[in-house]
PDB file of all heavy atoms in Angstrom:
ATOM      1  N   GLN A   1       0.821  -1.219   0.000  1.00  0.00           N
ATOM      2  CA  GLN A   1       0.000   0.000   0.000  1.00  0.00           C
ATOM      3  C   GLN A   1       0.850   1.262   0.000  1.00  0.00           C
ATOM      4  O   GLN A   1       0.405   2.308  -0.499  1.00  0.00           O
ATOM      5  CB  GLN A   1      -0.946  -0.016   1.210  1.00  0.00           C
ATOM      6  CG  GLN A   1      -2.034  -1.073   1.116  1.00  0.00           C
ATOM      7  CD  GLN A   1      -2.854  -1.213   2.388  1.00  0.00           C
ATOM      8  OE1 GLN A   1      -2.418  -0.814   3.475  1.00  0.00           O
ATOM      9  NE2 GLN A   1      -4.050  -1.777   2.263  1.00  0.00           N
ATOM     10  N   ARG A   2       2.066   1.173   0.527  1.00  0.00           N
ATOM     11  CA  ARG A   2       2.987   2.315   0.494  1.00  0.00           C
ATOM     12  C   ARG A   2       3.713   2.432  -0.846  1.00  0.00           C
ATOM     13  O   ARG A   2       4.515   3.341  -1.059  1.00  0.00           O
ATOM     14  CB  ARG A   2       4.032   2.184   1.616  1.00  0.00           C
ATOM     15  CG  ARG A   2       3.478   2.314   3.020  1.00  0.00           C
ATOM     16  CD  ARG A   2       4.605   2.469   4.035  1.00  0.00           C
ATOM     17  NE  ARG A   2       5.506   1.341   4.062  1.00  0.00           N
ATOM     18  CZ  ARG A   2       5.384   0.281   4.878  1.00  0.00           C
ATOM     19  NH1 ARG A   2       4.366   0.221   5.729  1.00  0.00           N
ATOM     20  NH2 ARG A   2       6.272  -0.691   4.835  1.00  0.00           N
ATOM     21  N   GLY A   3       3.455   1.486  -1.748  1.00  0.00           N
ATOM     22  CA  GLY A   3       4.100   1.520  -3.050  1.00  0.00           C
ATOM     23  C   GLY A   3       5.459   0.866  -3.088  1.00  0.00           C
ATOM     24  O   GLY A   3       6.247   1.124  -4.002  1.00  0.00           O
ATOM     25  N   GLU A   4       5.747   0.002  -2.134  1.00  0.00           N
ATOM     26  CA  GLU A   4       7.053  -0.646  -2.074  1.00  0.00           C
ATOM     27  C   GLU A   4       7.074  -1.956  -2.865  1.00  0.00           C
ATOM     28  O   GLU A   4       6.044  -2.610  -3.041  1.00  0.00           O
ATOM     29  CB  GLU A   4       7.423  -0.939  -0.621  1.00  0.00           C
ATOM     30  CG  GLU A   4       7.587   0.302   0.231  1.00  0.00           C
ATOM     31  CD  GLU A   4       7.946  -0.021   1.669  1.00  0.00           C
ATOM     32  OE1 GLU A   4       8.252  -1.193   1.960  1.00  0.00           O
ATOM     33  OE2 GLU A   4       7.916   0.904   2.505  1.00  0.00           O
ATOM     34  N   LEU A   5       8.242  -2.303  -3.334  1.00  0.00           N
ATOM     35  CA  LEU A   5       8.492  -3.627  -3.886  1.00  0.00           C
ATOM     36  C   LEU A   5       8.807  -4.541  -2.709  1.00  0.00           C
ATOM     37  O   LEU A   5       9.661  -4.221  -1.882  1.00  0.00           O
ATOM     38  CB  LEU A   5       9.677  -3.588  -4.854  1.00  0.00           C
ATOM     39  CG  LEU A   5      10.107  -4.908  -5.490  1.00  0.00           C
ATOM     40  CD1 LEU A   5       8.997  -5.484  -6.347  1.00  0.00           C
ATOM     41  CD2 LEU A   5      11.372  -4.704  -6.321  1.00  0.00           C
ATOM     42  N   VAL A   6       8.130  -5.667  -2.609  1.00  0.00           N
ATOM     43  CA  VAL A   6       8.320  -6.586  -1.490  1.00  0.00           C
ATOM     44  C   VAL A   6       9.078  -7.825  -1.965  1.00  0.00           C
ATOM     45  O   VAL A   6       8.693  -8.463  -2.954  1.00  0.00           O
ATOM     46  CB  VAL A   6       6.972  -7.000  -0.870  1.00  0.00           C
ATOM     47  CG1 VAL A   6       7.175  -8.097   0.183  1.00  0.00           C
ATOM     48  CG2 VAL A   6       6.286  -5.791  -0.240  1.00  0.00           C
ATOM     49  N   ILE A   7      10.148  -8.143  -1.265  1.00  0.00           N
ATOM     50  CA  ILE A   7      10.948  -9.343  -1.542  1.00  0.00           C
ATOM     51  C   ILE A   7      10.709 -10.338  -0.413  1.00  0.00           C
ATOM     52  O   ILE A   7      10.916 -10.004   0.760  1.00  0.00           O
ATOM     53  CB  ILE A   7      12.456  -9.020  -1.630  1.00  0.00           C
ATOM     54  CG1 ILE A   7      12.712  -7.836  -2.573  1.00  0.00           C
ATOM     55  CG2 ILE A   7      13.236 -10.255  -2.056  1.00  0.00           C
ATOM     56  CD1 ILE A   7      12.268  -8.057  -3.981  1.00  0.00           C
ATOM     57  N   LEU A   8      10.281 -11.541  -0.754  1.00  0.00           N
ATOM     58  CA  LEU A   8      10.061 -12.575   0.244  1.00  0.00           C
ATOM     59  C   LEU A   8      11.096 -13.686   0.078  1.00  0.00           C
ATOM     60  O   LEU A   8      11.243 -14.251  -1.007  1.00  0.00           O
ATOM     61  CB  LEU A   8       8.658 -13.173   0.112  1.00  0.00           C
ATOM     62  CG  LEU A   8       7.483 -12.252   0.434  1.00  0.00           C
ATOM     63  CD1 LEU A   8       6.165 -13.021   0.284  1.00  0.00           C
ATOM     64  CD2 LEU A   8       7.600 -11.672   1.836  1.00  0.00           C
ATOM     65  N   ASP A   9      11.820 -13.953   1.149  1.00  0.00           N
ATOM     66  CA  ASP A   9      12.764 -15.068   1.199  1.00  0.00           C
ATOM     67  C   ASP A   9      11.961 -16.293   1.633  1.00  0.00           C
ATOM     68  O   ASP A   9      11.771 -16.539   2.814  1.00  0.00           O
ATOM     69  CB  ASP A   9      13.871 -14.744   2.199  1.00  0.00           C
ATOM     70  CG  ASP A   9      14.963 -15.797   2.241  1.00  0.00           C
ATOM     71  OD1 ASP A   9      14.735 -16.906   1.709  1.00  0.00           O
ATOM     72  OD2 ASP A   9      16.026 -15.523   2.810  1.00  0.00           O
ATOM     73  N   ARG A  10      11.447 -16.994   0.654  1.00  0.00           N
ATOM     74  CA  ARG A  10      10.509 -18.110   0.754  1.00  0.00           C
ATOM     75  C   ARG A  10       9.089 -17.607   0.967  1.00  0.00           C
ATOM     76  O   ARG A  10       8.859 -16.521   1.482  1.00  0.00           O
ATOM     77  CB  ARG A  10      10.874 -19.106   1.853  1.00  0.00           C
ATOM     78  CG  ARG A  10      12.156 -19.863   1.608  1.00  0.00           C
ATOM     79  CD  ARG A  10      12.190 -21.188   2.368  1.00  0.00           C
ATOM     80  NE  ARG A  10      13.452 -21.880   2.182  1.00  0.00           N
ATOM     81  CZ  ARG A  10      13.772 -22.605   1.115  1.00  0.00           C
ATOM     82  NH1 ARG A  10      12.914 -22.721   0.129  1.00  0.00           N
ATOM     83  NH2 ARG A  10      14.955 -23.193   1.040  1.00  0.00           N
ATOM     84  N   SER A  11       8.148 -18.464   0.544  1.00  0.00           N
ATOM     85  CA  SER A  11       6.733 -18.201   0.787  1.00  0.00           C
ATOM     86  C   SER A  11       5.958 -19.488   0.522  1.00  0.00           C
ATOM     87  O   SER A  11       6.479 -20.587   0.752  1.00  0.00           O
ATOM     88  CB  SER A  11       6.226 -17.038  -0.075  1.00  0.00           C
ATOM     89  OG  SER A  11       4.930 -16.647   0.341  1.00  0.00           O
ATOM     90  N   TYR A  12       4.740 -19.348   0.008  1.00  0.00           N
ATOM     91  CA  TYR A  12       3.849 -20.505  -0.086  1.00  0.00           C
ATOM     92  C   TYR A  12       4.380 -21.670  -0.929  1.00  0.00           C
ATOM     93  O   TYR A  12       4.020 -22.830  -0.648  1.00  0.00           O
ATOM     94  CB  TYR A  12       2.460 -20.081  -0.598  1.00  0.00           C
ATOM     95  CG  TYR A  12       2.422 -19.664  -2.035  1.00  0.00           C
ATOM     96  CD1 TYR A  12       2.281 -20.603  -3.054  1.00  0.00           C
ATOM     97  CD2 TYR A  12       2.511 -18.326  -2.391  1.00  0.00           C
ATOM     98  CE1 TYR A  12       2.245 -20.220  -4.383  1.00  0.00           C
ATOM     99  CE2 TYR A  12       2.471 -17.934  -3.713  1.00  0.00           C
ATOM    100  CZ  TYR A  12       2.338 -18.880  -4.709  1.00  0.00           C
ATOM    101  OH  TYR A  12       2.309 -18.496  -6.022  1.00  0.00           O
ATOM    102  N   PRO A  13       5.228 -21.456  -1.977  1.00  0.00           N
ATOM    103  CA  PRO A  13       5.715 -22.636  -2.704  1.00  0.00           C
ATOM    104  C   PRO A  13       6.404 -23.655  -1.807  1.00  0.00           C
ATOM    105  O   PRO A  13       6.292 -24.867  -2.033  1.00  0.00           O
ATOM    106  CB  PRO A  13       6.680 -22.031  -3.738  1.00  0.00           C
ATOM    107  CG  PRO A  13       6.124 -20.672  -3.998  1.00  0.00           C
ATOM    108  CD  PRO A  13       5.670 -20.205  -2.637  1.00  0.00           C
ATOM    109  N   SER A  14       7.117 -23.179  -0.775  1.00  0.00           N
ATOM    110  CA  SER A  14       7.774 -24.114   0.142  1.00  0.00           C
ATOM    111  C   SER A  14       6.754 -24.964   0.892  1.00  0.00           C
ATOM    112  O   SER A  14       6.995 -26.154   1.147  1.00  0.00           O
ATOM    113  CB  SER A  14       8.640 -23.352   1.148  1.00  0.00           C
ATOM    114  OG  SER A  14       9.771 -22.795   0.534  1.00  0.00           O
ATOM    115  N   THR A  15       5.619 -24.350   1.263  1.00  0.00           N
ATOM    116  CA  THR A  15       4.588 -25.104   1.972  1.00  0.00           C
ATOM    117  C   THR A  15       4.065 -26.239   1.108  1.00  0.00           C
ATOM    118  O   THR A  15       3.841 -27.352   1.591  1.00  0.00           O
ATOM    119  CB  THR A  15       3.435 -24.169   2.383  1.00  0.00           C
ATOM    120  OG1 THR A  15       3.960 -23.103   3.176  1.00  0.00           O
ATOM    121  CG2 THR A  15       2.375 -24.922   3.184  1.00  0.00           C
ATOM    122  N   PHE A  16       3.867 -25.970  -0.179  1.00  0.00           N
ATOM    123  CA  PHE A  16       3.421 -27.022  -1.096  1.00  0.00           C
ATOM    124  C   PHE A  16       4.518 -28.073  -1.280  1.00  0.00           C
ATOM    125  O   PHE A  16       4.253 -29.274  -1.237  1.00  0.00           O
ATOM    126  CB  PHE A  16       3.036 -26.422  -2.448  1.00  0.00           C
ATOM    127  CG  PHE A  16       1.700 -25.751  -2.462  1.00  0.00           C
ATOM    128  CD1 PHE A  16       1.562 -24.430  -2.080  1.00  0.00           C
ATOM    129  CD2 PHE A  16       0.560 -26.448  -2.845  1.00  0.00           C
ATOM    130  CE1 PHE A  16       0.325 -23.798  -2.092  1.00  0.00           C
ATOM    131  CE2 PHE A  16      -0.689 -25.841  -2.854  1.00  0.00           C
ATOM    132  CZ  PHE A  16      -0.810 -24.512  -2.484  1.00  0.00           C
ATOM    133  N   ALA A  17       5.748 -27.625  -1.489  1.00  0.00           N
ATOM    134  CA  ALA A  17       6.843 -28.556  -1.771  1.00  0.00           C
ATOM    135  C   ALA A  17       7.106 -29.514  -0.620  1.00  0.00           C
ATOM    136  O   ALA A  17       7.463 -30.675  -0.831  1.00  0.00           O
ATOM    137  CB  ALA A  17       8.115 -27.784  -2.107  1.00  0.00           C
ATOM    138  N   TYR A  18       6.900 -29.039   0.617  1.00  0.00           N
ATOM    139  CA  TYR A  18       7.183 -29.865   1.780  1.00  0.00           C
ATOM    140  C   TYR A  18       5.933 -30.589   2.291  1.00  0.00           C
ATOM    141  O   TYR A  18       5.946 -31.150   3.384  1.00  0.00           O
ATOM    142  CB  TYR A  18       7.806 -29.015   2.884  1.00  0.00           C
ATOM    143  CG  TYR A  18       9.247 -28.646   2.609  1.00  0.00           C
ATOM    144  CD1 TYR A  18       9.571 -27.591   1.759  1.00  0.00           C
ATOM    145  CD2 TYR A  18      10.296 -29.367   3.172  1.00  0.00           C
ATOM    146  CE1 TYR A  18      10.886 -27.268   1.484  1.00  0.00           C
ATOM    147  CE2 TYR A  18      11.611 -29.053   2.903  1.00  0.00           C
ATOM    148  CZ  TYR A  18      11.898 -27.997   2.053  1.00  0.00           C
ATOM    149  OH  TYR A  18      13.208 -27.685   1.780  1.00  0.00           O
ATOM    150  N   SER A  19       4.874 -30.594   1.475  1.00  0.00           N
ATOM    151  CA  SER A  19       3.635 -31.280   1.838  1.00  0.00           C
ATOM    152  C   SER A  19       3.298 -32.322   0.769  1.00  0.00           C
ATOM    153  O   SER A  19       3.559 -32.103  -0.422  1.00  0.00           O
ATOM    154  CB  SER A  19       2.467 -30.280   1.941  1.00  0.00           C
ATOM    155  OG  SER A  19       2.710 -29.307   2.927  1.00  0.00           O
ATOM    156  N   PRO A  20       2.707 -33.451   1.154  1.00  0.00           N
ATOM    157  CA  PRO A  20       2.300 -34.463   0.176  1.00  0.00           C
ATOM    158  C   PRO A  20       1.312 -33.876  -0.826  1.00  0.00           C
ATOM    159  O   PRO A  20       0.477 -33.036  -0.462  1.00  0.00           O
ATOM    160  CB  PRO A  20       1.632 -35.541   1.037  1.00  0.00           C
ATOM    161  CG  PRO A  20       2.128 -35.309   2.419  1.00  0.00           C
ATOM    162  CD  PRO A  20       2.373 -33.842   2.539  1.00  0.00           C
ATOM    163  N   GLU A  21       1.380 -34.307  -2.072  1.00  0.00           N
ATOM    164  CA  GLU A  21       0.506 -33.737  -3.096  1.00  0.00           C
ATOM    165  C   GLU A  21      -0.971 -33.983  -2.808  1.00  0.00           C
ATOM    166  O   GLU A  21      -1.822 -33.204  -3.262  1.00  0.00           O
ATOM    167  CB  GLU A  21       0.897 -34.269  -4.478  1.00  0.00           C
ATOM    168  CG  GLU A  21       2.229 -33.710  -4.968  1.00  0.00           C
ATOM    169  CD  GLU A  21       2.560 -34.090  -6.396  1.00  0.00           C
ATOM    170  OE1 GLU A  21       1.660 -34.005  -7.259  1.00  0.00           O
ATOM    171  OE2 GLU A  21       3.714 -34.485  -6.654  1.00  0.00           O
ATOM    172  N   GLU A  22      -1.274 -35.038  -2.055  1.00  0.00           N
ATOM    173  CA  GLU A  22      -2.681 -35.276  -1.706  1.00  0.00           C
ATOM    174  C   GLU A  22      -3.228 -34.191  -0.778  1.00  0.00           C
ATOM    175  O   GLU A  22      -4.453 -34.070  -0.613  1.00  0.00           O
ATOM    176  CB  GLU A  22      -2.872 -36.657  -1.083  1.00  0.00           C
ATOM    177  CG  GLU A  22      -2.031 -36.941   0.136  1.00  0.00           C
ATOM    178  CD  GLU A  22      -0.743 -37.686  -0.184  1.00  0.00           C
ATOM    179  OE1 GLU A  22      -0.216 -37.500  -1.308  1.00  0.00           O
ATOM    180  OE2 GLU A  22      -0.283 -38.467   0.665  1.00  0.00           O
ATOM    181  N   ASP A  23      -2.346 -33.411  -0.158  1.00  0.00           N
ATOM    182  CA  ASP A  23      -2.781 -32.305   0.702  1.00  0.00           C
ATOM    183  C   ASP A  23      -2.895 -30.979  -0.055  1.00  0.00           C
ATOM    184  O   ASP A  23      -3.347 -29.974   0.516  1.00  0.00           O
ATOM    185  CB  ASP A  23      -1.799 -32.109   1.872  1.00  0.00           C
ATOM    186  CG  ASP A  23      -1.921 -33.192   2.924  1.00  0.00           C
ATOM    187  OD1 ASP A  23      -2.884 -33.962   2.871  1.00  0.00           O
ATOM    188  OD2 ASP A  23      -1.047 -33.261   3.801  1.00  0.00           O
ATOM    189  N   TRP A  24      -2.486 -30.954  -1.302  1.00  0.00           N
ATOM    190  CA  TRP A  24      -2.394 -29.683  -2.012  1.00  0.00           C
ATOM    191  C   TRP A  24      -3.741 -28.994  -2.192  1.00  0.00           C
ATOM    192  O   TRP A  24      -3.802 -27.765  -2.159  1.00  0.00           O
ATOM    193  CB  TRP A  24      -1.725 -29.883  -3.371  1.00  0.00           C
ATOM    194  CG  TRP A  24      -0.231 -30.005  -3.267  1.00  0.00           C
ATOM    195  CD1 TRP A  24       0.499 -30.249  -2.136  1.00  0.00           C
ATOM    196  CD2 TRP A  24       0.709 -29.902  -4.328  1.00  0.00           C
ATOM    197  NE1 TRP A  24       1.841 -30.304  -2.431  1.00  0.00           N
ATOM    198  CE2 TRP A  24       2.005 -30.097  -3.766  1.00  0.00           C
ATOM    199  CE3 TRP A  24       0.594 -29.674  -5.693  1.00  0.00           C
ATOM    200  CZ2 TRP A  24       3.157 -30.058  -4.539  1.00  0.00           C
ATOM    201  CZ3 TRP A  24       1.751 -29.637  -6.468  1.00  0.00           C
ATOM    202  CH2 TRP A  24       3.015 -29.825  -5.890  1.00  0.00           C
ATOM    203  N   ASP A  25      -4.820 -29.748  -2.386  1.00  0.00           N
ATOM    204  CA  ASP A  25      -6.128 -29.117  -2.611  1.00  0.00           C
ATOM    205  C   ASP A  25      -6.547 -28.271  -1.419  1.00  0.00           C
ATOM    206  O   ASP A  25      -6.945 -27.111  -1.569  1.00  0.00           O
ATOM    207  CB  ASP A  25      -7.199 -30.169  -2.914  1.00  0.00           C
ATOM    208  CG  ASP A  25      -7.131 -30.666  -4.351  1.00  0.00           C
ATOM    209  OD1 ASP A  25      -6.430 -30.030  -5.175  1.00  0.00           O
ATOM    210  OD2 ASP A  25      -7.774 -31.694  -4.659  1.00  0.00           O
ATOM    211  N   TRP A  26      -6.443 -28.848  -0.209  1.00  0.00           N
ATOM    212  CA  TRP A  26      -6.888 -28.070   0.949  1.00  0.00           C
ATOM    213  C   TRP A  26      -5.903 -26.939   1.275  1.00  0.00           C
ATOM    214  O   TRP A  26      -6.312 -25.865   1.728  1.00  0.00           O
ATOM    215  CB  TRP A  26      -7.154 -28.951   2.168  1.00  0.00           C
ATOM    216  CG  TRP A  26      -5.982 -29.561   2.880  1.00  0.00           C
ATOM    217  CD1 TRP A  26      -5.544 -30.845   2.788  1.00  0.00           C
ATOM    218  CD2 TRP A  26      -5.114 -28.913   3.829  1.00  0.00           C
ATOM    219  NE1 TRP A  26      -4.446 -31.044   3.613  1.00  0.00           N
ATOM    220  CE2 TRP A  26      -4.174 -29.882   4.267  1.00  0.00           C
ATOM    221  CE3 TRP A  26      -5.044 -27.629   4.361  1.00  0.00           C
ATOM    222  CZ2 TRP A  26      -3.173 -29.588   5.195  1.00  0.00           C
ATOM    223  CZ3 TRP A  26      -4.049 -27.333   5.279  1.00  0.00           C
ATOM    224  CH2 TRP A  26      -3.128 -28.305   5.692  1.00  0.00           C
ATOM    225  N   ILE A  27      -4.622 -27.180   1.018  1.00  0.00           N
ATOM    226  CA  ILE A  27      -3.645 -26.107   1.234  1.00  0.00           C
ATOM    227  C   ILE A  27      -3.942 -24.937   0.290  1.00  0.00           C
ATOM    228  O   ILE A  27      -3.910 -23.766   0.701  1.00  0.00           O
ATOM    229  CB  ILE A  27      -2.209 -26.629   1.032  1.00  0.00           C
ATOM    230  CG1 ILE A  27      -1.842 -27.616   2.153  1.00  0.00           C
ATOM    231  CG2 ILE A  27      -1.202 -25.477   0.998  1.00  0.00           C
ATOM    232  CD1 ILE A  27      -0.511 -28.307   1.958  1.00  0.00           C
ATOM    233  N   TYR A  28      -4.248 -25.253  -0.946  1.00  0.00           N
ATOM    234  CA  TYR A  28      -4.606 -24.209  -1.910  1.00  0.00           C
ATOM    235  C   TYR A  28      -5.858 -23.464  -1.459  1.00  0.00           C
ATOM    236  O   TYR A  28      -5.908 -22.227  -1.484  1.00  0.00           O
ATOM    237  CB  TYR A  28      -4.836 -24.823  -3.289  1.00  0.00           C
ATOM    238  CG  TYR A  28      -5.233 -23.814  -4.342  1.00  0.00           C
ATOM    239  CD1 TYR A  28      -4.286 -23.161  -5.114  1.00  0.00           C
ATOM    240  CD2 TYR A  28      -6.580 -23.502  -4.551  1.00  0.00           C
ATOM    241  CE1 TYR A  28      -4.648 -22.225  -6.069  1.00  0.00           C
ATOM    242  CE2 TYR A  28      -6.952 -22.557  -5.497  1.00  0.00           C
ATOM    243  CZ  TYR A  28      -5.986 -21.932  -6.256  1.00  0.00           C
ATOM    244  OH  TYR A  28      -6.365 -20.994  -7.183  1.00  0.00           O
ATOM    245  N   ASN A  29      -6.867 -24.209  -1.042  1.00  0.00           N
ATOM    246  CA  ASN A  29      -8.130 -23.592  -0.641  1.00  0.00           C
ATOM    247  C   ASN A  29      -7.957 -22.675   0.570  1.00  0.00           C
ATOM    248  O   ASN A  29      -8.579 -21.608   0.648  1.00  0.00           O
ATOM    249  CB  ASN A  29      -9.175 -24.667  -0.346  1.00  0.00           C
ATOM    250  CG  ASN A  29      -9.636 -25.392  -1.594  1.00  0.00           C
ATOM    251  OD1 ASN A  29      -9.541 -24.853  -2.698  1.00  0.00           O
ATOM    252  ND2 ASN A  29     -10.128 -26.615  -1.436  1.00  0.00           N
ATOM    253  N   VAL A  30      -7.109 -23.084   1.529  1.00  0.00           N
ATOM    254  CA  VAL A  30      -6.877 -22.241   2.699  1.00  0.00           C
ATOM    255  C   VAL A  30      -6.171 -20.950   2.291  1.00  0.00           C
ATOM    256  O   VAL A  30      -6.544 -19.852   2.720  1.00  0.00           O
ATOM    257  CB  VAL A  30      -6.069 -22.993   3.776  1.00  0.00           C
ATOM    258  CG1 VAL A  30      -5.657 -22.044   4.898  1.00  0.00           C
ATOM    259  CG2 VAL A  30      -6.893 -24.150   4.350  1.00  0.00           C
ATOM    260  N   HIS A  31      -5.153 -21.062   1.454  1.00  0.00           N
ATOM    261  CA  HIS A  31      -4.458 -19.861   0.972  1.00  0.00           C
ATOM    262  C   HIS A  31      -5.423 -18.926   0.236  1.00  0.00           C
ATOM    263  O   HIS A  31      -5.421 -17.712   0.457  1.00  0.00           O
ATOM    264  CB  HIS A  31      -3.309 -20.250   0.032  1.00  0.00           C
ATOM    265  CG  HIS A  31      -2.044 -20.625   0.725  1.00  0.00           C
ATOM    266  ND1 HIS A  31      -1.812 -21.881   1.223  1.00  0.00           N
ATOM    267  CD2 HIS A  31      -0.934 -19.897   1.020  1.00  0.00           C
ATOM    268  CE1 HIS A  31      -0.610 -21.922   1.783  1.00  0.00           C
ATOM    269  NE2 HIS A  31      -0.061 -20.736   1.676  1.00  0.00           N
ATOM    270  N   GLU A  32      -6.234 -19.520  -0.626  1.00  0.00           N
ATOM    271  CA  GLU A  32      -7.171 -18.709  -1.400  1.00  0.00           C
ATOM    272  C   GLU A  32      -8.196 -18.047  -0.476  1.00  0.00           C
ATOM    273  O   GLU A  32      -8.513 -16.859  -0.627  1.00  0.00           O
ATOM    274  CB  GLU A  32      -7.869 -19.574  -2.445  1.00  0.00           C
ATOM    275  CG  GLU A  32      -8.731 -18.790  -3.418  1.00  0.00           C
ATOM    276  CD  GLU A  32      -9.274 -19.671  -4.521  1.00  0.00           C
ATOM    277  OE1 GLU A  32      -9.811 -20.756  -4.199  1.00  0.00           O
ATOM    278  OE2 GLU A  32      -9.182 -19.278  -5.694  1.00  0.00           O
ATOM    279  N   GLY A  33      -8.694 -18.812   0.486  1.00  0.00           N
ATOM    280  CA  GLY A  33      -9.678 -18.271   1.414  1.00  0.00           C
ATOM    281  C   GLY A  33      -9.135 -17.150   2.270  1.00  0.00           C
ATOM    282  O   GLY A  33      -9.867 -16.228   2.652  1.00  0.00           O
ATOM    283  N   LEU A  34      -7.840 -17.201   2.584  1.00  0.00           N
ATOM    284  CA  LEU A  34      -7.203 -16.166   3.397  1.00  0.00           C
ATOM    285  C   LEU A  34      -6.685 -14.987   2.565  1.00  0.00           C
ATOM    286  O   LEU A  34      -6.106 -14.051   3.103  1.00  0.00           O
ATOM    287  CB  LEU A  34      -6.042 -16.771   4.197  1.00  0.00           C
ATOM    288  CG  LEU A  34      -6.433 -17.757   5.300  1.00  0.00           C
ATOM    289  CD1 LEU A  34      -5.183 -18.405   5.895  1.00  0.00           C
ATOM    290  CD2 LEU A  34      -7.248 -17.073   6.393  1.00  0.00           C
ATOM    291  N   GLY A  35      -6.877 -15.063   1.259  1.00  0.00           N
ATOM    292  CA  GLY A  35      -6.444 -13.974   0.398  1.00  0.00           C
ATOM    293  C   GLY A  35      -4.954 -13.936   0.123  1.00  0.00           C
ATOM    294  O   GLY A  35      -4.425 -12.908  -0.306  1.00  0.00           O
ATOM    295  N   LEU A  36      -4.267 -15.053   0.325  1.00  0.00           N
ATOM    296  CA  LEU A  36      -2.805 -15.069   0.195  1.00  0.00           C
ATOM    297  C   LEU A  36      -2.335 -15.177  -1.254  1.00  0.00           C
ATOM    298  O   LEU A  36      -1.130 -15.103  -1.519  1.00  0.00           O
ATOM    299  CB  LEU A  36      -2.222 -16.198   1.039  1.00  0.00           C
ATOM    300  CG  LEU A  36      -2.417 -16.022   2.551  1.00  0.00           C
ATOM    301  CD1 LEU A  36      -1.990 -17.273   3.309  1.00  0.00           C
ATOM    302  CD2 LEU A  36      -1.639 -14.811   3.053  1.00  0.00           C
ATOM    303  N   PHE A  37      -3.272 -15.377  -2.192  1.00  0.00           N
ATOM    304  CA  PHE A  37      -2.926 -15.366  -3.609  1.00  0.00           C
ATOM    305  C   PHE A  37      -3.369 -14.063  -4.290  1.00  0.00           C
ATOM    306  O   PHE A  37      -3.200 -13.911  -5.499  1.00  0.00           O
ATOM    307  CB  PHE A  37      -3.583 -16.541  -4.345  1.00  0.00           C
ATOM    308  CG  PHE A  37      -3.062 -17.894  -3.958  1.00  0.00           C
ATOM    309  CD1 PHE A  37      -3.917 -18.984  -3.889  1.00  0.00           C
ATOM    310  CD2 PHE A  37      -1.719 -18.093  -3.685  1.00  0.00           C
ATOM    311  CE1 PHE A  37      -3.449 -20.236  -3.547  1.00  0.00           C
ATOM    312  CE2 PHE A  37      -1.230 -19.342  -3.336  1.00  0.00           C
ATOM    313  CZ  PHE A  37      -2.093 -20.425  -3.277  1.00  0.00           C
ATOM    314  N   ASP A  38      -3.951 -13.146  -3.527  1.00  0.00           N
ATOM    315  CA  ASP A  38      -4.593 -11.977  -4.129  1.00  0.00           C
ATOM    316  C   ASP A  38      -3.600 -10.965  -4.696  1.00  0.00           C
ATOM    317  O   ASP A  38      -3.885 -10.304  -5.696  1.00  0.00           O
ATOM    318  CB  ASP A  38      -5.490 -11.270  -3.105  1.00  0.00           C
ATOM    319  CG  ASP A  38      -6.735 -12.085  -2.758  1.00  0.00           C
ATOM    320  OD1 ASP A  38      -6.962 -13.118  -3.410  1.00  0.00           O
ATOM    321  OD2 ASP A  38      -7.456 -11.679  -1.819  1.00  0.00           O
ATOM    322  N   LEU A  39      -2.444 -10.818  -4.056  1.00  0.00           N
ATOM    323  CA  LEU A  39      -1.491  -9.794  -4.481  1.00  0.00           C
ATOM    324  C   LEU A  39      -0.654 -10.288  -5.664  1.00  0.00           C
ATOM    325  O   LEU A  39      -0.188 -11.437  -5.660  1.00  0.00           O
ATOM    326  CB  LEU A  39      -0.579  -9.409  -3.324  1.00  0.00           C
ATOM    327  CG  LEU A  39      -1.278  -8.756  -2.122  1.00  0.00           C
ATOM    328  CD1 LEU A  39      -0.279  -8.550  -0.993  1.00  0.00           C
ATOM    329  CD2 LEU A  39      -1.919  -7.430  -2.513  1.00  0.00           C
ATOM    330  N   PRO A  40      -0.433  -9.445  -6.684  1.00  0.00           N
ATOM    331  CA  PRO A  40       0.405  -9.847  -7.823  1.00  0.00           C
ATOM    332  C   PRO A  40       1.804 -10.230  -7.350  1.00  0.00           C
ATOM    333  O   PRO A  40       2.400  -9.540  -6.531  1.00  0.00           O
ATOM    334  CB  PRO A  40       0.442  -8.585  -8.697  1.00  0.00           C
ATOM    335  CG  PRO A  40      -0.749  -7.790  -8.281  1.00  0.00           C
ATOM    336  CD  PRO A  40      -0.945  -8.078  -6.819  1.00  0.00           C
ATOM    337  N   HIS A  41       2.312 -11.331  -7.877  1.00  0.00           N
ATOM    338  CA  HIS A  41       3.632 -11.771  -7.460  1.00  0.00           C
ATOM    339  C   HIS A  41       4.303 -12.596  -8.554  1.00  0.00           C
ATOM    340  O   HIS A  41       3.650 -13.146  -9.433  1.00  0.00           O
ATOM    341  CB  HIS A  41       3.549 -12.595  -6.164  1.00  0.00           C
ATOM    342  CG  HIS A  41       2.731 -13.839  -6.279  1.00  0.00           C
ATOM    343  ND1 HIS A  41       1.352 -13.834  -6.238  1.00  0.00           N
ATOM    344  CD2 HIS A  41       3.094 -15.142  -6.428  1.00  0.00           C
ATOM    345  CE1 HIS A  41       0.894 -15.078  -6.352  1.00  0.00           C
ATOM    346  NE2 HIS A  41       1.934 -15.877  -6.484  1.00  0.00           N
ATOM    347  N   LYS A  42       5.625 -12.647  -8.465  1.00  0.00           N
ATOM    348  CA  LYS A  42       6.451 -13.452  -9.349  1.00  0.00           C
ATOM    349  C   LYS A  42       7.355 -14.326  -8.483  1.00  0.00           C
ATOM    350  O   LYS A  42       7.643 -13.982  -7.344  1.00  0.00           O
ATOM    351  CB  LYS A  42       7.299 -12.553 -10.257  1.00  0.00           C
ATOM    352  CG  LYS A  42       6.481 -11.632 -11.151  1.00  0.00           C
ATOM    353  CD  LYS A  42       7.318 -10.512 -11.731  1.00  0.00           C
ATOM    354  CE  LYS A  42       8.359 -10.998 -12.689  1.00  0.00           C
ATOM    355  NZ  LYS A  42       9.050  -9.886 -13.381  1.00  0.00           N
ATOM    356  N   ILE A  43       7.790 -15.444  -9.041  1.00  0.00           N
ATOM    357  CA  ILE A  43       8.612 -16.386  -8.282  1.00  0.00           C
ATOM    358  C   ILE A  43       9.931 -16.622  -9.018  1.00  0.00           C
ATOM    359  O   ILE A  43       9.947 -16.911 -10.213  1.00  0.00           O
ATOM    360  CB  ILE A  43       7.891 -17.737  -8.095  1.00  0.00           C
ATOM    361  CG1 ILE A  43       6.608 -17.548  -7.293  1.00  0.00           C
ATOM    362  CG2 ILE A  43       8.813 -18.749  -7.400  1.00  0.00           C
ATOM    363  CD1 ILE A  43       5.723 -18.786  -7.265  1.00  0.00           C
TER     364      ILE A  43
END
């Protein structure tokens, strides 16, 4: 909101990578429900 570029040293991809793929659907849904995919980002 202040107009800054934000650099994250790790984020949600690590949560997926360190979780079994059978858990990915609910992990995705929780992130989406919490608005954690809403902000534009690059990896």
